[in-house]
Amino acid sequence: MSWESTATYYSLLNQITRQRLGGLHSASLLLHSFDFAEIERLQADGDWTAATEVMVQTACRLETAGAECLLICTNTMHLTADDVQQAIRIPLLHIADATAAAIRAGKVSRPLLLATRYTMEQNFYRQRLADRGVIVKTPDSADRTIVHDIIYQEICQGVLRESSKQAFLRIVDSALQQGADSVIFGCTEIGLLLAAGDVSAPVFDTTAIHASAAVDFALA
């Protein structure tokens, strides 16, 4: 939802399209970029009703403008996904569905979920994964706060600190020692701070997975 990860989505959608089609091909798409400060305020206030209304209105405008499928380019705002899908006729490609499919294909079963506090603690995301056979682990409360604060106070504002990267890696290492066998980058900004090569276990970057699934769907 921040423009930081929106730029990553836009780049990936075009890169993958060119890889699939070659030459000068790029993705034909419509993009609505939000003022993230307004969205974050609704999240912090727990006003998910108003947040859902904003998402539904935007989805309807994109559909009217000619979109043939819809991506919500953030994990947390999939809290509104069911209401958004009910309001439009075009398919919404759910990020958790694509992620669950990738995890199953990766033949792991105990991923650590790194995400905003909303995504780590509420059921809308974890249950969607569970319904598809993926039972996630989450950090303890103190570490959930660390992850959440780094996402909002740093990464979403374009601040990438080595100390924060090391804090994430400490949390990952602790989870791996406690039985996790993989890691979900369950916030679309996390890949700006961490790379798969930084982690000694399989990594599922939801941004890359979602973008790839979108191109698969569009080209099919």
C-alpha atoms as a PDB file:
ATOM      1  CA  MET A   1       0.000   0.000   0.000  1.00  0.00           C
ATOM      2  CA  SER A   2       2.984   2.316   0.427  1.00  0.00           C
ATOM      3  CA  TRP A   3       4.437   3.652  -2.812  1.00  0.00           C
ATOM      4  CA  GLU A   4       7.713   1.953  -1.867  1.00  0.00           C
ATOM      5  CA  SER A   5       6.297  -1.511  -2.540  1.00  0.00           C
ATOM      6  CA  THR A   6       3.935  -0.239  -5.239  1.00  0.00           C
ATOM      7  CA  ALA A   7       7.041   0.621  -7.268  1.00  0.00           C
ATOM      8  CA  THR A   8       8.305  -2.925  -6.740  1.00  0.00           C
ATOM      9  CA  TYR A   9       5.004  -4.374  -7.948  1.00  0.00           C
ATOM     10  CA  TYR A  10       5.014  -2.178 -11.039  1.00  0.00           C
ATOM     11  CA  SER A  11       8.571  -3.164 -11.880  1.00  0.00           C
ATOM     12  CA  LEU A  12       7.950  -6.874 -11.327  1.00  0.00           C
ATOM     13  CA  LEU A  13       4.743  -6.963 -13.357  1.00  0.00           C
ATOM     14  CA  ASN A  14       6.563  -5.406 -16.302  1.00  0.00           C
ATOM     15  CA  GLN A  15       9.716  -7.501 -15.923  1.00  0.00           C
ATOM     16  CA  ILE A  16       7.782 -10.765 -15.765  1.00  0.00           C
ATOM     17  CA  THR A  17       5.623  -9.774 -18.736  1.00  0.00           C
ATOM     18  CA  ARG A  18       8.720  -9.019 -20.809  1.00  0.00           C
ATOM     19  CA  GLN A  19      10.312 -12.310 -19.751  1.00  0.00           C
ATOM     20  CA  ARG A  20       7.200 -14.217 -20.835  1.00  0.00           C
ATOM     21  CA  LEU A  21       6.481 -12.353 -24.090  1.00  0.00           C
ATOM     22  CA  GLY A  22       9.882 -10.952 -25.052  1.00  0.00           C
ATOM     23  CA  GLY A  23      10.850  -7.877 -27.015  1.00  0.00           C
ATOM     24  CA  LEU A  24       9.205  -4.609 -26.115  1.00  0.00           C
ATOM     25  CA  HIS A  25       6.261  -6.165 -24.296  1.00  0.00           C
ATOM     26  CA  SER A  26       5.189  -4.695 -20.975  1.00  0.00           C
ATOM     27  CA  ALA A  27       2.173  -5.012 -18.708  1.00  0.00           C
ATOM     28  CA  SER A  28      -1.022  -3.257 -19.717  1.00  0.00           C
ATOM     29  CA  LEU A  29      -2.404  -2.207 -16.353  1.00  0.00           C
ATOM     30  CA  LEU A  30      -4.298   0.347 -14.326  1.00  0.00           C
ATOM     31  CA  LEU A  31      -2.728   1.546 -11.072  1.00  0.00           C
ATOM     32  CA  HIS A  32      -4.343   3.392  -8.181  1.00  0.00           C
ATOM     33  CA  SER A  33      -1.765   4.704  -5.723  1.00  0.00           C
ATOM     34  CA  PHE A  34      -3.161   5.673  -2.317  1.00  0.00           C
ATOM     35  CA  ASP A  35      -2.039   8.339   0.100  1.00  0.00           C
ATOM     36  CA  PHE A  36      -0.716   5.812   2.591  1.00  0.00           C
ATOM     37  CA  ALA A  37      -0.903   8.255   5.510  1.00  0.00           C
ATOM     38  CA  GLU A  38      -4.694   8.183   5.216  1.00  0.00           C
ATOM     39  CA  ILE A  39      -4.775   4.385   5.076  1.00  0.00           C
ATOM     40  CA  GLU A  40      -2.379   4.025   8.018  1.00  0.00           C
ATOM     41  CA  ARG A  41      -4.554   6.336  10.124  1.00  0.00           C
ATOM     42  CA  LEU A  42      -7.604   4.162   9.517  1.00  0.00           C
ATOM     43  CA  GLN A  43      -5.590   1.048  10.368  1.00  0.00           C
ATOM     44  CA  ALA A  44      -4.216   2.538  13.585  1.00  0.00           C
ATOM     45  CA  ASP A  45      -7.699   3.700  14.604  1.00  0.00           C
ATOM     46  CA  GLY A  46      -9.089   0.231  13.935  1.00  0.00           C
ATOM     47  CA  ASP A  47     -11.610   1.796  11.538  1.00  0.00           C
ATOM     48  CA  TRP A  48     -11.716  -1.117   9.134  1.00  0.00           C
ATOM     49  CA  THR A  49     -15.234  -0.176   8.052  1.00  0.00           C
ATOM     50  CA  ALA A  50     -13.990   3.094   6.581  1.00  0.00           C
ATOM     51  CA  ALA A  51     -10.901   1.377   5.191  1.00  0.00           C
ATOM     52  CA  THR A  52     -13.096  -1.180   3.474  1.00  0.00           C
ATOM     53  CA  GLU A  53     -15.255   1.555   1.978  1.00  0.00           C
ATOM     54  CA  VAL A  54     -12.171   3.224   0.508  1.00  0.00           C
ATOM     55  CA  MET A  55     -10.983  -0.067  -0.961  1.00  0.00           C
ATOM     56  CA  VAL A  56     -14.390  -0.948  -2.426  1.00  0.00           C
ATOM     57  CA  GLN A  57     -14.802   2.477  -4.024  1.00  0.00           C
ATOM     58  CA  THR A  58     -11.354   2.253  -5.587  1.00  0.00           C
ATOM     59  CA  ALA A  59     -11.907  -1.289  -6.855  1.00  0.00           C
ATOM     60  CA  CYS A  60     -15.175  -0.255  -8.481  1.00  0.00           C
ATOM     61  CA  ARG A  61     -13.489   2.679 -10.221  1.00  0.00           C
ATOM     62  CA  LEU A  62     -10.766   0.396 -11.575  1.00  0.00           C
ATOM     63  CA  GLU A  63     -13.338  -2.082 -12.824  1.00  0.00           C
ATOM     64  CA  THR A  64     -15.282   0.712 -14.523  1.00  0.00           C
ATOM     65  CA  ALA A  65     -12.056   1.900 -16.135  1.00  0.00           C
ATOM     66  CA  GLY A  66     -11.598  -1.514 -17.740  1.00  0.00           C
ATOM     67  CA  ALA A  67      -9.585  -3.671 -15.358  1.00  0.00           C
ATOM     68  CA  GLU A  68     -10.098  -7.401 -15.994  1.00  0.00           C
ATOM     69  CA  CYS A  69      -8.699  -8.611 -12.668  1.00  0.00           C
ATOM     70  CA  LEU A  70      -7.694  -6.917  -9.442  1.00  0.00           C
ATOM     71  CA  LEU A  71      -4.667  -7.018  -7.142  1.00  0.00           C
ATOM     72  CA  ILE A  72      -4.581  -5.521  -3.660  1.00  0.00           C
ATOM     73  CA  CYS A  73      -0.848  -4.828  -3.516  1.00  0.00           C
ATOM     74  CA  THR A  74      -0.452  -5.325   0.212  1.00  0.00           C
ATOM     75  CA  ASN A  75      -1.021  -8.198   2.611  1.00  0.00           C
ATOM     76  CA  THR A  76      -2.655  -6.249   5.430  1.00  0.00           C
ATOM     77  CA  MET A  77      -5.409  -4.681   3.357  1.00  0.00           C
ATOM     78  CA  HIS A  78      -6.565  -8.142   2.315  1.00  0.00           C
ATOM     79  CA  LEU A  79      -8.546  -7.821   5.522  1.00  0.00           C
ATOM     80  CA  THR A  80     -11.009  -6.062   3.186  1.00  0.00           C
ATOM     81  CA  ALA A  81     -10.688  -8.574   0.327  1.00  0.00           C
ATOM     82  CA  ASP A  82     -13.976 -10.435   0.779  1.00  0.00           C
ATOM     83  CA  ASP A  83     -15.972  -7.201   0.774  1.00  0.00           C
ATOM     84  CA  VAL A  84     -14.054  -5.911  -2.240  1.00  0.00           C
ATOM     85  CA  GLN A  85     -14.681  -9.107  -4.192  1.00  0.00           C
ATOM     86  CA  GLN A  86     -18.393  -8.968  -3.414  1.00  0.00           C
ATOM     87  CA  ALA A  87     -18.566  -5.435  -4.821  1.00  0.00           C
ATOM     88  CA  ILE A  88     -16.997  -6.192  -8.211  1.00  0.00           C
ATOM     89  CA  ARG A  89     -17.553  -8.689 -11.010  1.00  0.00           C
ATOM     90  CA  ILE A  90     -13.916  -9.180 -11.995  1.00  0.00           C
ATOM     91  CA  PRO A  91     -11.764 -11.674 -10.051  1.00  0.00           C
ATOM     92  CA  LEU A  92      -9.635 -10.516  -7.147  1.00  0.00           C
ATOM     93  CA  LEU A  93      -6.356 -12.449  -7.078  1.00  0.00           C
ATOM     94  CA  HIS A  94      -5.786 -13.027  -3.359  1.00  0.00           C
ATOM     95  CA  ILE A  95      -2.185 -12.753  -2.185  1.00  0.00           C
ATOM     96  CA  ALA A  96      -2.607 -15.484   0.455  1.00  0.00           C
ATOM     97  CA  ASP A  97      -3.910 -17.958  -2.131  1.00  0.00           C
ATOM     98  CA  ALA A  98      -0.876 -17.420  -4.354  1.00  0.00           C
ATOM     99  CA  THR A  99       1.441 -17.637  -1.352  1.00  0.00           C
ATOM    100  CA  ALA A 100      -0.133 -20.857  -0.076  1.00  0.00           C
ATOM    101  CA  ALA A 101       0.268 -22.436  -3.513  1.00  0.00           C
ATOM    102  CA  ALA A 102       3.938 -21.468  -3.599  1.00  0.00           C
ATOM    103  CA  ILE A 103       4.525 -22.848  -0.108  1.00  0.00           C
ATOM    104  CA  ARG A 104       2.880 -26.155  -0.946  1.00  0.00           C
ATOM    105  CA  ALA A 105       4.957 -26.378  -4.110  1.00  0.00           C
ATOM    106  CA  GLY A 106       8.046 -25.700  -1.992  1.00  0.00           C
ATOM    107  CA  LYS A 107       7.218 -28.725   0.165  1.00  0.00           C
ATOM    108  CA  VAL A 108       7.663 -26.969   3.501  1.00  0.00           C
ATOM    109  CA  SER A 109       5.108 -26.964   6.281  1.00  0.00           C
ATOM    110  CA  ARG A 110       6.095 -24.644   9.144  1.00  0.00           C
ATOM    111  CA  PRO A 111       6.736 -21.125   7.815  1.00  0.00           C
ATOM    112  CA  LEU A 112       7.411 -18.107   9.990  1.00  0.00           C
ATOM    113  CA  LEU A 113       5.154 -15.194   9.083  1.00  0.00           C
ATOM    114  CA  LEU A 114       6.782 -11.759   9.188  1.00  0.00           C
ATOM    115  CA  ALA A 115       4.250  -9.007   8.611  1.00  0.00           C
ATOM    116  CA  THR A 116       2.435  -6.092  10.176  1.00  0.00           C
ATOM    117  CA  ARG A 117       0.878  -6.718  13.547  1.00  0.00           C
ATOM    118  CA  TYR A 118      -2.557  -6.756  11.890  1.00  0.00           C
ATOM    119  CA  THR A 119      -1.555  -9.560   9.533  1.00  0.00           C
ATOM    120  CA  MET A 120       0.310 -11.564  12.154  1.00  0.00           C
ATOM    121  CA  GLU A 121      -2.396 -11.334  14.811  1.00  0.00           C
ATOM    122  CA  GLN A 122      -5.766 -11.263  13.043  1.00  0.00           C
ATOM    123  CA  ASN A 123      -7.375 -14.287  11.424  1.00  0.00           C
ATOM    124  CA  PHE A 124      -8.147 -12.947   7.951  1.00  0.00           C
ATOM    125  CA  TYR A 125      -4.711 -13.948   6.624  1.00  0.00           C
ATOM    126  CA  ARG A 126      -3.523 -16.794   8.812  1.00  0.00           C
ATOM    127  CA  GLN A 127      -6.859 -18.594   8.472  1.00  0.00           C
ATOM    128  CA  ARG A 128      -6.810 -18.188   4.689  1.00  0.00           C
ATOM    129  CA  LEU A 129      -3.435 -19.928   4.672  1.00  0.00           C
ATOM    130  CA  ALA A 130      -4.619 -22.565   7.129  1.00  0.00           C
ATOM    131  CA  ASP A 131      -7.606 -23.347   4.918  1.00  0.00           C
ATOM    132  CA  ARG A 132      -5.073 -24.159   2.205  1.00  0.00           C
ATOM    133  CA  GLY A 133      -2.948 -26.384   4.389  1.00  0.00           C
ATOM    134  CA  VAL A 134      -0.353 -23.870   5.602  1.00  0.00           C
ATOM    135  CA  ILE A 135      -0.077 -23.368   9.371  1.00  0.00           C
ATOM    136  CA  VAL A 136       2.160 -20.408  10.120  1.00  0.00           C
ATOM    137  CA  LYS A 137       4.268 -19.518  13.121  1.00  0.00           C
ATOM    138  CA  THR A 138       4.565 -15.922  14.317  1.00  0.00           C
ATOM    139  CA  PRO A 139       7.140 -14.171  16.524  1.00  0.00           C
ATOM    140  CA  ASP A 140       6.377 -13.515  20.172  1.00  0.00           C
ATOM    141  CA  SER A 141       4.600 -10.298  21.141  1.00  0.00           C
ATOM    142  CA  ALA A 142       7.746  -8.237  21.681  1.00  0.00           C
ATOM    143  CA  ASP A 143       9.214  -9.287  18.353  1.00  0.00           C
ATOM    144  CA  ARG A 144       5.907  -8.687  16.577  1.00  0.00           C
ATOM    145  CA  THR A 145       6.105  -5.113  17.824  1.00  0.00           C
ATOM    146  CA  ILE A 146       9.654  -4.769  16.519  1.00  0.00           C
ATOM    147  CA  VAL A 147       8.693  -6.068  13.076  1.00  0.00           C
ATOM    148  CA  HIS A 148       5.566  -3.889  12.910  1.00  0.00           C
ATOM    149  CA  ASP A 149       7.391  -0.731  13.960  1.00  0.00           C
ATOM    150  CA  ILE A 150      10.247  -1.261  11.506  1.00  0.00           C
ATOM    151  CA  ILE A 151       7.760  -1.706   8.666  1.00  0.00           C
ATOM    152  CA  TYR A 152       5.792   1.466   9.397  1.00  0.00           C
ATOM    153  CA  GLN A 153       8.430   3.751  10.862  1.00  0.00           C
ATOM    154  CA  GLU A 154      11.247   2.826   8.500  1.00  0.00           C
ATOM    155  CA  ILE A 155      10.704   0.653   5.411  1.00  0.00           C
ATOM    156  CA  CYS A 156       7.435   2.290   4.315  1.00  0.00           C
ATOM    157  CA  GLN A 157       9.240   5.618   4.545  1.00  0.00           C
ATOM    158  CA  GLY A 158      12.202   4.471   2.472  1.00  0.00           C
ATOM    159  CA  VAL A 159      14.510   4.049   5.470  1.00  0.00           C
ATOM    160  CA  LEU A 160      16.600   0.863   5.303  1.00  0.00           C
ATOM    161  CA  ARG A 161      18.830   0.357   8.339  1.00  0.00           C
ATOM    162  CA  GLU A 162      21.365  -2.408   8.834  1.00  0.00           C
ATOM    163  CA  SER A 163      20.386  -2.606  12.514  1.00  0.00           C
ATOM    164  CA  SER A 164      16.783  -3.306  11.519  1.00  0.00           C
ATOM    165  CA  LYS A 165      17.880  -5.944   9.039  1.00  0.00           C
ATOM    166  CA  GLN A 166      19.838  -7.638  11.800  1.00  0.00           C
ATOM    167  CA  ALA A 167      16.805  -7.447  14.103  1.00  0.00           C
ATOM    168  CA  PHE A 168      14.723  -9.243  11.466  1.00  0.00           C
ATOM    169  CA  LEU A 169      17.423 -11.864  10.988  1.00  0.00           C
ATOM    170  CA  ARG A 170      17.614 -12.464  14.748  1.00  0.00           C
ATOM    171  CA  ILE A 171      13.860 -13.058  14.823  1.00  0.00           C
ATOM    172  CA  VAL A 172      14.132 -15.413  11.847  1.00  0.00           C
ATOM    173  CA  ASP A 173      17.027 -17.353  13.368  1.00  0.00           C
ATOM    174  CA  SER A 174      15.138 -17.758  16.636  1.00  0.00           C
ATOM    175  CA  ALA A 175      12.101 -19.120  14.807  1.00  0.00           C
ATOM    176  CA  LEU A 176      14.205 -21.539  12.776  1.00  0.00           C
ATOM    177  CA  GLN A 177      15.776 -22.832  15.973  1.00  0.00           C
ATOM    178  CA  GLN A 178      12.262 -23.374  17.356  1.00  0.00           C
ATOM    179  CA  GLY A 179      11.118 -25.466  14.406  1.00  0.00           C
ATOM    180  CA  ALA A 180      10.140 -23.120  11.593  1.00  0.00           C
ATOM    181  CA  ASP A 181      11.355 -24.429   8.238  1.00  0.00           C
ATOM    182  CA  SER A 182      10.814 -21.370   6.018  1.00  0.00           C
ATOM    183  CA  VAL A 183       9.910 -17.676   6.090  1.00  0.00           C
ATOM    184  CA  ILE A 184       7.037 -15.702   4.564  1.00  0.00           C
ATOM    185  CA  PHE A 185       7.797 -12.074   3.764  1.00  0.00           C
ATOM    186  CA  GLY A 186       4.164 -11.310   4.605  1.00  0.00           C
ATOM    187  CA  CYS A 187       4.427  -7.583   4.143  1.00  0.00           C
ATOM    188  CA  THR A 188       5.094  -6.319   0.637  1.00  0.00           C
ATOM    189  CA  GLU A 189       7.806  -3.946   1.893  1.00  0.00           C
ATOM    190  CA  ILE A 190       9.969  -6.545   3.658  1.00  0.00           C
ATOM    191  CA  GLY A 191      11.752  -7.533   0.449  1.00  0.00           C
ATOM    192  CA  LEU A 192      13.155  -4.009   0.326  1.00  0.00           C
ATOM    193  CA  LEU A 193      15.132  -4.745   3.517  1.00  0.00           C
ATOM    194  CA  LEU A 194      15.766  -8.491   3.329  1.00  0.00           C
ATOM    195  CA  ALA A 195      16.680 -10.733   0.412  1.00  0.00           C
ATOM    196  CA  ALA A 196      16.121 -14.454   0.159  1.00  0.00           C
ATOM    197  CA  GLY A 197      19.879 -14.978   0.286  1.00  0.00           C
ATOM    198  CA  ASP A 198      20.007 -13.399   3.737  1.00  0.00           C
ATOM    199  CA  VAL A 199      18.030 -16.290   5.214  1.00  0.00           C
ATOM    200  CA  SER A 200      19.235 -19.865   5.675  1.00  0.00           C
ATOM    201  CA  ALA A 201      15.831 -21.346   4.810  1.00  0.00           C
ATOM    202  CA  PRO A 202      13.337 -21.115   1.940  1.00  0.00           C
ATOM    203  CA  VAL A 203      11.830 -17.641   1.598  1.00  0.00           C
ATOM    204  CA  PHE A 204       8.415 -16.824   0.163  1.00  0.00           C
ATOM    205  CA  ASP A 205       8.327 -13.173  -0.876  1.00  0.00           C
ATOM    206  CA  THR A 206       4.636 -12.388  -1.228  1.00  0.00           C
ATOM    207  CA  THR A 207       5.258  -9.413  -3.502  1.00  0.00           C
ATOM    208  CA  ALA A 208       7.107 -11.497  -6.098  1.00  0.00           C
ATOM    209  CA  ILE A 209       4.683 -14.405  -5.737  1.00  0.00           C
ATOM    210  CA  HIS A 210       1.633 -12.164  -6.178  1.00  0.00           C
ATOM    211  CA  ALA A 211       3.066 -10.376  -9.209  1.00  0.00           C
ATOM    212  CA  SER A 212       3.961 -13.660 -10.881  1.00  0.00           C
ATOM    213  CA  ALA A 213       0.498 -15.081 -10.220  1.00  0.00           C
ATOM    214  CA  ALA A 214      -1.066 -11.968 -11.738  1.00  0.00           C
ATOM    215  CA  VAL A 215       0.904 -12.325 -14.961  1.00  0.00           C
ATOM    216  CA  ASP A 216       0.064 -16.045 -15.069  1.00  0.00           C
ATOM    217  CA  PHE A 217      -3.626 -15.191 -14.801  1.00  0.00           C
ATOM    218  CA  ALA A 218      -3.530 -12.344 -17.322  1.00  0.00           C
ATOM    219  CA  LEU A 219      -1.643 -14.320 -19.979  1.00  0.00           C
ATOM    220  CA  ALA A 220      -3.797 -17.414 -19.510  1.00  0.00           C
END
